[in-house]
Amino acid sequence: MISTAAPSKFRLARRNTMAFPRELRSAIPELHDGRVLELDSIEGHAADVVLRGPEVQLKFLVKETGQLKGEFEVLMNLQPEAAHALAATLSELAKLAEEPSRPQ
């Protein structure tokens, strides 16, 4: 029998997330607080995820800066409102950084 009922409106809690690959765990030495990685590229797209609704999905490709070799994908999923807020914050900070009278 084929159901003609409307699709369920059930959705998971909407959250803004960043996902780091497991491989980064081994890239951070025991005696070090962290590791600086170079941002190589950013890709993204808008999606309407069945269980989460509309979101902006970003992929940051980061690379090792020292003797180690490797690159890692860091994923970010943002609700549209958070993506707008991030864009506005970055734009404002970029303007401040470009000001010639910016304190050092």
Protein backbone atom coordinates (compact mmCIF):
# COMPACT_ATOMS: atom_id res chain seq x y z
CA MET A 1 0.00 0.00 0.00
CA ILE A 2 1.30 3.47 -0.89
CA SER A 3 0.93 6.17 1.73
CA THR A 4 -0.39 9.54 0.61
CA ALA A 5 0.28 11.17 3.97
CA ALA A 6 2.33 14.36 4.00
CA PRO A 7 6.02 13.91 4.83
CA SER A 8 6.95 14.13 8.48
CA LYS A 9 8.00 17.54 9.79
CA PHE A 10 10.34 15.84 12.29
CA ARG A 11 13.80 17.40 12.27
CA LEU A 12 16.84 17.03 14.45
CA ALA A 13 17.94 19.93 16.60
CA ARG A 14 19.55 22.56 14.42
CA ARG A 15 23.10 23.33 15.49
CA ASN A 16 26.13 25.09 14.09
CA THR A 17 29.00 22.60 13.98
CA MET A 18 32.63 22.12 12.99
CA ALA A 19 33.97 18.63 12.31
CA PHE A 20 37.68 17.87 12.52
CA PRO A 21 39.13 14.72 10.97
CA ARG A 22 40.48 12.05 13.30
CA GLU A 23 43.86 12.30 11.52
CA LEU A 24 44.43 15.71 13.12
CA ARG A 25 44.71 13.99 16.49
CA SER A 26 48.04 12.46 15.48
CA ALA A 27 49.25 15.73 13.92
CA ILE A 28 49.47 17.41 17.34
CA PRO A 29 52.56 16.38 19.33
CA GLU A 30 52.14 15.39 23.00
CA LEU A 31 54.30 18.29 24.25
CA HIS A 32 52.59 20.92 22.11
CA ASP A 33 49.44 22.92 22.83
CA GLY A 34 48.31 22.73 19.22
CA ARG A 35 49.41 22.96 15.64
CA VAL A 36 49.24 25.83 13.18
CA LEU A 37 47.87 24.76 9.82
CA GLU A 38 47.78 26.87 6.67
CA LEU A 39 44.36 27.56 5.18
CA ASP A 40 44.67 26.42 1.56
CA SER A 41 41.10 26.78 0.28
CA ILE A 42 37.46 27.14 1.21
CA GLU A 43 34.55 25.60 -0.65
CA GLY A 44 30.91 25.67 0.22
CA HIS A 45 27.32 25.32 -0.83
CA ALA A 46 23.79 25.72 0.45
CA ALA A 47 21.83 22.58 1.24
CA ASP A 48 18.42 21.57 2.52
CA VAL A 49 19.17 18.55 4.68
CA VAL A 50 16.16 16.32 5.29
CA LEU A 51 16.62 15.97 9.06
CA ARG A 52 18.18 19.38 9.77
CA GLY A 53 16.64 21.80 7.30
CA PRO A 54 18.44 24.53 5.36
CA GLU A 55 22.11 25.07 6.12
CA VAL A 56 25.35 26.40 4.69
CA GLN A 57 28.04 23.73 4.39
CA LEU A 58 31.69 24.79 4.22
CA LYS A 59 34.85 22.77 3.67
CA PHE A 60 38.18 24.28 4.76
CA LEU A 61 41.26 22.55 3.38
CA VAL A 62 44.16 23.07 5.78
CA LYS A 63 47.77 21.96 5.25
CA GLU A 64 50.76 21.29 7.48
CA THR A 65 53.16 24.22 7.82
CA GLY A 66 56.24 22.43 9.12
CA GLN A 67 58.18 19.30 8.33
CA LEU A 68 55.12 17.08 8.46
CA LYS A 69 53.18 16.55 5.26
CA GLY A 70 49.45 16.34 5.03
CA GLU A 71 46.23 18.14 4.40
CA PHE A 72 42.98 17.90 6.25
CA GLU A 73 39.36 18.82 5.58
CA VAL A 74 37.63 20.75 8.35
CA LEU A 75 33.87 20.86 7.84
CA MET A 76 31.50 23.56 9.08
CA ASN A 77 27.70 23.43 8.94
CA LEU A 78 25.85 26.63 9.79
CA GLN A 79 22.23 27.59 10.01
CA PRO A 80 21.49 30.43 7.56
CA GLU A 81 21.21 32.97 10.40
CA ALA A 82 24.63 31.99 11.75
CA ALA A 83 26.14 32.14 8.24
CA HIS A 84 24.81 35.69 7.83
CA ALA A 85 26.21 36.67 11.25
CA LEU A 86 29.61 35.14 10.42
CA ALA A 87 29.70 36.96 7.07
CA ALA A 88 28.84 40.29 8.71
CA THR A 89 31.45 39.78 11.44
CA LEU A 90 34.18 38.87 8.92
CA SER A 91 33.28 41.84 6.72
CA GLU A 92 33.45 44.26 9.65
CA LEU A 93 36.76 42.83 10.88
CA ALA A 94 38.25 43.02 7.38
CA LYS A 95 37.29 46.70 7.18
CA LEU A 96 38.91 47.34 10.56
CA ALA A 97 42.07 45.47 9.55
CA GLU A 98 42.40 47.61 6.39
CA GLU A 99 42.13 50.93 8.22
CA PRO A 100 45.43 52.84 7.95
CA SER A 101 45.11 54.22 11.49
CA ARG A 102 44.53 50.79 13.02
CA PRO A 103 46.46 50.46 16.30
CA GLN A 104 49.26 47.89 16.15
